[in-house]
Amino acid sequence: MAGPITGSVRAKVLAVEHTSIHGDVYVDLLIQTTDQNTNNEASRVRAPVHACAGMRPQVGLVVTIEFLMGQVTRIVSSQA
């Protein structure tokens, strides 16, 4: 799954890994949308850590990932 140019995707987090590239910290997420779950597929998404809106992505958490120009701009928890 390629992220949309603009919009959002709701997905379950399957894995989380923090990465530092030249001092910038990113979160690499392995995610699975409902459609991918049906086909036993998953996707990787890289987001700057500041896009996590004060939350820490965790395995099993359902999140909404917002995109602008194909880049992750925000990740928020979709669970109450």
N, C-alpha and C. Protein backbone atom coordinates (compact mmCIF):
# COMPACT_ATOMS: atom_id res chain seq x y z
N MET A 1 0.85 -1.18 0.00
CA MET A 1 0.00 0.00 0.00
C MET A 1 0.89 1.23 0.00
N ALA A 2 0.71 2.07 -0.97
CA ALA A 2 1.36 3.38 -0.96
C ALA A 2 0.41 4.33 -0.25
N GLY A 3 0.96 5.22 0.54
CA GLY A 3 0.12 6.19 1.23
C GLY A 3 -0.55 7.11 0.24
N PRO A 4 -1.69 7.64 0.59
CA PRO A 4 -2.37 8.55 -0.32
C PRO A 4 -1.62 9.88 -0.43
N ILE A 5 -1.84 10.60 -1.52
CA ILE A 5 -1.23 11.93 -1.66
C ILE A 5 -1.74 12.84 -0.55
N THR A 6 -3.04 12.78 -0.30
CA THR A 6 -3.62 13.53 0.79
C THR A 6 -4.77 12.70 1.37
N GLY A 7 -5.01 12.86 2.66
CA GLY A 7 -6.07 12.09 3.30
C GLY A 7 -5.54 11.32 4.49
N SER A 8 -6.28 10.28 4.86
CA SER A 8 -5.88 9.50 6.03
C SER A 8 -6.19 8.02 5.82
N VAL A 9 -5.51 7.21 6.62
CA VAL A 9 -5.66 5.76 6.60
C VAL A 9 -5.79 5.28 8.04
N ARG A 10 -6.74 4.40 8.30
CA ARG A 10 -6.91 3.81 9.62
C ARG A 10 -6.32 2.41 9.56
N ALA A 11 -5.44 2.09 10.52
CA ALA A 11 -4.74 0.80 10.47
C ALA A 11 -4.32 0.34 11.86
N LYS A 12 -4.07 -0.94 11.96
CA LYS A 12 -3.57 -1.55 13.20
C LYS A 12 -2.05 -1.62 13.12
N VAL A 13 -1.37 -1.26 14.20
CA VAL A 13 0.09 -1.29 14.26
C VAL A 13 0.54 -2.72 14.58
N LEU A 14 1.39 -3.27 13.71
CA LEU A 14 1.92 -4.63 13.92
C LEU A 14 3.33 -4.62 14.48
N ALA A 15 4.10 -3.57 14.20
CA ALA A 15 5.48 -3.46 14.70
C ALA A 15 5.88 -1.99 14.73
N VAL A 16 6.75 -1.64 15.66
CA VAL A 16 7.23 -0.27 15.82
C VAL A 16 8.75 -0.31 15.97
N GLU A 17 9.43 0.58 15.24
CA GLU A 17 10.88 0.67 15.35
C GLU A 17 11.28 2.14 15.22
N HIS A 18 12.14 2.61 16.12
CA HIS A 18 12.63 3.98 16.04
C HIS A 18 13.92 4.00 15.23
N THR A 19 14.07 5.01 14.38
CA THR A 19 15.22 5.13 13.51
C THR A 19 15.74 6.56 13.58
N SER A 20 17.04 6.71 13.57
CA SER A 20 17.65 8.04 13.53
C SER A 20 18.45 8.16 12.24
N ILE A 21 18.15 9.20 11.48
CA ILE A 21 18.86 9.46 10.24
C ILE A 21 19.46 10.86 10.34
N HIS A 22 20.78 10.93 10.45
CA HIS A 22 21.49 12.21 10.57
C HIS A 22 20.93 13.07 11.70
N GLY A 23 20.54 12.43 12.81
CA GLY A 23 20.05 13.15 13.98
C GLY A 23 18.55 13.36 14.01
N ASP A 24 17.87 13.15 12.90
CA ASP A 24 16.41 13.25 12.89
C ASP A 24 15.83 11.90 13.29
N VAL A 25 14.87 11.91 14.21
CA VAL A 25 14.29 10.67 14.72
C VAL A 25 12.96 10.38 14.02
N TYR A 26 12.81 9.15 13.56
CA TYR A 26 11.62 8.70 12.87
C TYR A 26 11.06 7.46 13.54
N VAL A 27 9.79 7.20 13.28
CA VAL A 27 9.14 5.98 13.75
C VAL A 27 8.77 5.19 12.49
N ASP A 28 9.27 3.96 12.39
CA ASP A 28 8.89 3.06 11.31
C ASP A 28 7.80 2.15 11.84
N LEU A 29 6.67 2.16 11.16
CA LEU A 29 5.54 1.34 11.59
C LEU A 29 5.23 0.29 10.53
N LEU A 30 4.97 -0.92 10.97
CA LEU A 30 4.40 -1.95 10.11
C LEU A 30 2.92 -1.92 10.44
N ILE A 31 2.10 -1.60 9.44
CA ILE A 31 0.67 -1.42 9.68
C ILE A 31 -0.15 -2.35 8.79
N GLN A 32 -1.40 -2.55 9.21
CA GLN A 32 -2.31 -3.39 8.43
C GLN A 32 -3.69 -2.75 8.45
N THR A 33 -4.18 -2.41 7.25
CA THR A 33 -5.54 -1.89 7.12
C THR A 33 -6.52 -3.06 7.09
N THR A 34 -7.79 -2.76 7.17
CA THR A 34 -8.80 -3.82 7.12
C THR A 34 -8.71 -4.60 5.81
N ASP A 35 -8.52 -3.89 4.69
CA ASP A 35 -8.39 -4.56 3.40
C ASP A 35 -7.17 -5.48 3.35
N GLN A 36 -6.07 -5.02 3.93
CA GLN A 36 -4.85 -5.84 3.93
C GLN A 36 -5.01 -7.06 4.83
N ASN A 37 -5.76 -6.91 5.93
CA ASN A 37 -6.00 -8.03 6.84
C ASN A 37 -6.67 -9.18 6.10
N THR A 38 -7.61 -8.84 5.22
CA THR A 38 -8.32 -9.84 4.44
C THR A 38 -7.37 -10.63 3.55
N ASN A 39 -6.34 -9.95 3.02
CA ASN A 39 -5.38 -10.58 2.12
C ASN A 39 -4.08 -10.98 2.81
N ASN A 40 -4.03 -10.86 4.14
CA ASN A 40 -2.83 -11.18 4.92
C ASN A 40 -1.61 -10.39 4.43
N GLU A 41 -1.79 -9.08 4.24
CA GLU A 41 -0.73 -8.18 3.80
C GLU A 41 -0.48 -7.13 4.87
N ALA A 42 0.62 -6.38 4.71
CA ALA A 42 0.94 -5.27 5.61
C ALA A 42 1.77 -4.25 4.85
N SER A 43 1.92 -3.05 5.41
CA SER A 43 2.69 -1.98 4.79
C SER A 43 3.60 -1.32 5.81
N ARG A 44 4.68 -0.73 5.32
CA ARG A 44 5.58 0.05 6.18
C ARG A 44 5.33 1.52 5.96
N VAL A 45 5.35 2.27 7.06
CA VAL A 45 5.18 3.72 7.01
C VAL A 45 6.26 4.33 7.89
N ARG A 46 6.94 5.36 7.38
CA ARG A 46 7.94 6.08 8.18
C ARG A 46 7.39 7.47 8.46
N ALA A 47 7.47 7.88 9.73
CA ALA A 47 6.96 9.19 10.13
C ALA A 47 7.95 9.86 11.06
N PRO A 48 8.08 11.19 10.97
CA PRO A 48 8.90 11.88 11.95
C PRO A 48 8.27 11.73 13.33
N VAL A 49 9.09 11.61 14.34
CA VAL A 49 8.57 11.33 15.68
C VAL A 49 7.60 12.43 16.14
N HIS A 50 7.79 13.67 15.70
CA HIS A 50 6.88 14.75 16.13
C HIS A 50 5.48 14.60 15.53
N ALA A 51 5.32 13.74 14.52
CA ALA A 51 4.00 13.51 13.92
C ALA A 51 3.12 12.62 14.79
N CYS A 52 3.69 12.06 15.84
CA CYS A 52 2.93 11.13 16.69
C CYS A 52 2.01 11.81 17.68
N ALA A 53 1.89 13.11 17.61
CA ALA A 53 0.90 13.88 18.39
C ALA A 53 0.91 13.54 19.88
N GLY A 54 2.10 13.41 20.46
CA GLY A 54 2.20 13.18 21.89
C GLY A 54 1.88 11.77 22.36
N MET A 55 1.66 10.85 21.43
CA MET A 55 1.40 9.46 21.82
C MET A 55 2.54 8.57 21.33
N ARG A 56 2.65 7.41 21.95
CA ARG A 56 3.67 6.45 21.53
C ARG A 56 2.99 5.29 20.82
N PRO A 57 3.24 5.13 19.52
CA PRO A 57 2.64 4.00 18.82
C PRO A 57 3.09 2.69 19.45
N GLN A 58 2.16 1.77 19.63
CA GLN A 58 2.45 0.47 20.24
C GLN A 58 1.81 -0.62 19.40
N VAL A 59 2.40 -1.79 19.46
CA VAL A 59 1.85 -2.94 18.76
C VAL A 59 0.42 -3.20 19.24
N GLY A 60 -0.49 -3.40 18.30
CA GLY A 60 -1.88 -3.66 18.62
C GLY A 60 -2.77 -2.43 18.62
N LEU A 61 -2.16 -1.26 18.65
CA LEU A 61 -2.92 -0.01 18.68
C LEU A 61 -3.51 0.28 17.30
N VAL A 62 -4.73 0.74 17.24
CA VAL A 62 -5.35 1.17 15.99
C VAL A 62 -5.14 2.68 15.89
N VAL A 63 -4.55 3.11 14.78
CA VAL A 63 -4.21 4.52 14.59
C VAL A 63 -4.79 5.06 13.29
N THR A 64 -4.93 6.37 13.24
CA THR A 64 -5.25 7.06 12.00
C THR A 64 -4.00 7.81 11.58
N ILE A 65 -3.56 7.56 10.37
CA ILE A 65 -2.35 8.17 9.84
C ILE A 65 -2.77 9.18 8.77
N GLU A 66 -2.38 10.44 8.98
CA GLU A 66 -2.75 11.50 8.04
C GLU A 66 -1.57 11.81 7.12
N PHE A 67 -1.89 12.02 5.84
CA PHE A 67 -0.88 12.26 4.82
C PHE A 67 -1.11 13.61 4.14
N LEU A 68 -0.03 14.23 3.69
CA LEU A 68 -0.07 15.40 2.84
C LEU A 68 1.09 15.28 1.87
N MET A 69 0.80 15.34 0.60
CA MET A 69 1.80 15.16 -0.45
C MET A 69 2.55 13.83 -0.30
N GLY A 70 1.84 12.80 0.17
CA GLY A 70 2.40 11.47 0.31
C GLY A 70 3.26 11.27 1.55
N GLN A 71 3.42 12.31 2.37
CA GLN A 71 4.23 12.22 3.58
C GLN A 71 3.34 12.19 4.82
N VAL A 72 3.73 11.43 5.81
CA VAL A 72 2.96 11.36 7.06
C VAL A 72 3.10 12.69 7.79
N THR A 73 1.95 13.28 8.14
CA THR A 73 1.96 14.54 8.87
C THR A 73 1.48 14.37 10.31
N ARG A 74 0.71 13.29 10.57
CA ARG A 74 0.18 13.11 11.92
C ARG A 74 -0.26 11.67 12.11
N ILE A 75 -0.02 11.15 13.31
CA ILE A 75 -0.51 9.83 13.70
C ILE A 75 -1.24 9.99 15.02
N VAL A 76 -2.50 9.58 15.06
CA VAL A 76 -3.29 9.68 16.29
C VAL A 76 -3.94 8.34 16.58
N SER A 77 -4.17 8.06 17.84
CA SER A 77 -4.83 6.85 18.25
C SER A 77 -6.29 6.91 17.85
N SER A 78 -6.79 5.80 17.29
CA SER A 78 -8.21 5.73 16.91
C SER A 78 -9.02 5.04 17.98
N GLN A 79 -8.38 4.59 19.05
CA GLN A 79 -9.09 3.87 20.11
C GLN A 79 -9.49 4.84 21.20
N ALA A 80 -10.63 4.59 21.78
CA ALA A 80 -11.13 5.46 22.85
C ALA A 80 -10.51 5.09 24.17
